[in-house]
């Protein structure tokens, strides 16, 4: 056996087995990143604050009464966050709006004595809430979330007017109104927010304060409160969550996991390569790999058998070449080996169920000193270079097994043809199965 042949066998075997091991390791591992997330999208809020007829939209006379007064109001809401920047909320409001010094009376003691007290029995509205979405690159949950609101509502109010000519008291007077506001929330945790806001409520009537003026009435509500987000434990609020920061974090975790797996695969490859070099090396240069060499350390130039043991030279005599006759029984032994030969998928590893018939082929080669040609073939699935290498590796794997069982390595030739010699169509699974084979030729 030539040294170059052993070196080629070693290189091909290491490359094939290492590639298969790496592919299997990378294919079976996965991460849990980029999974569907659950968010807290429902929330409830309570607030309290100041009610006043003074708004940024009033003229210099402040509507029907020159001097608005401050009184307390309170409210609550329930909100559904549909998008990080958009939600719908239903609000409830109650309280009292007050003012003095009717503009219909000339300045003086009479005007100073005039006043009104408009009690909001109840007010309900539906608002659209536009939150400035969290676009942070680093923080998944923002602390500050500014917002704008606008909507429509309906209320019932009663008004008591004092010392104002032409004014009328009302009881349970119903009116439509349009609330418009702005504010911001401070996210204390995944559950709790502090809510600070300012709303201007535009009435669709002119007698909210008991006086029918030239313009529709309006009032403001400046409030502070608390918001509780509802949802599953450990989930974030949708309104202050940054998908950009989450994507960045998960991408970094995925990259780290990939680097770890690649490093582990490289360590395994180096370890396997070292073992393959040790097993398939030929320290005594006799043409038989260390793994199969039963007589290690034979002197250079010694003629050895398939197990690496020296062959005693026969006494000089006339060389008579006997005719090799392959019988039908011999062909049947080889045919059964071909029929039962199976490999691991995508690998050159022979399955254990094929050993029995291969053992009979090895015994036949030892008994009759036949020569054997092994021809590996594949289907056309995959690249040409991969199929050529796989067909060659499989033929070499069969040869190595037969040599291990005592066959003479010098009488066995192993060749790989890849997909170049099909015996059936590659367009069907059955045809591709027939094309994936190793042919045995005795001579």
Foldseek 3Di string as FASTA:
>chain_A
DAPVVLVVLLVLQLVFVLVVVLVVLVVVDDDPPPDDADAQFKKKKKKKFKKWLDDPPADCCSAFANFWDIWMKIKMKMKGHDALFKIKMKMKIWIKTKGFQTPVDPDDPLRRFKMKIKTWPMKIWMKMKGWPGAADQADFFDFKIKIKIKTKMKTFMWMDIPSDPPFDTDHRDMWIKIKIKIWMWGDPDQFKIKTWMKIKIFIPAQCSRRHRGPGTGIMMTTMIIMMTGDDDPPHHHRNGGHVNNSVVVSVVVVVVVVVVSVVVSVVVSVVVSVVSCQQSPQVQRQPAGNVQAPDPDDHPPFHAFLSNHGDDDDDDDDDDDDDQDQDPVNVVLQVVLFVQWDADPLHLHTDPSSVVSLLVNLVVCVVRVWAKEKEFEAAPPDDQVSQQSRRQSNQVSSLSSSSSSGHGSVRYHGGYDYNPDQPADSPDPVSRVRRGTMHMDID
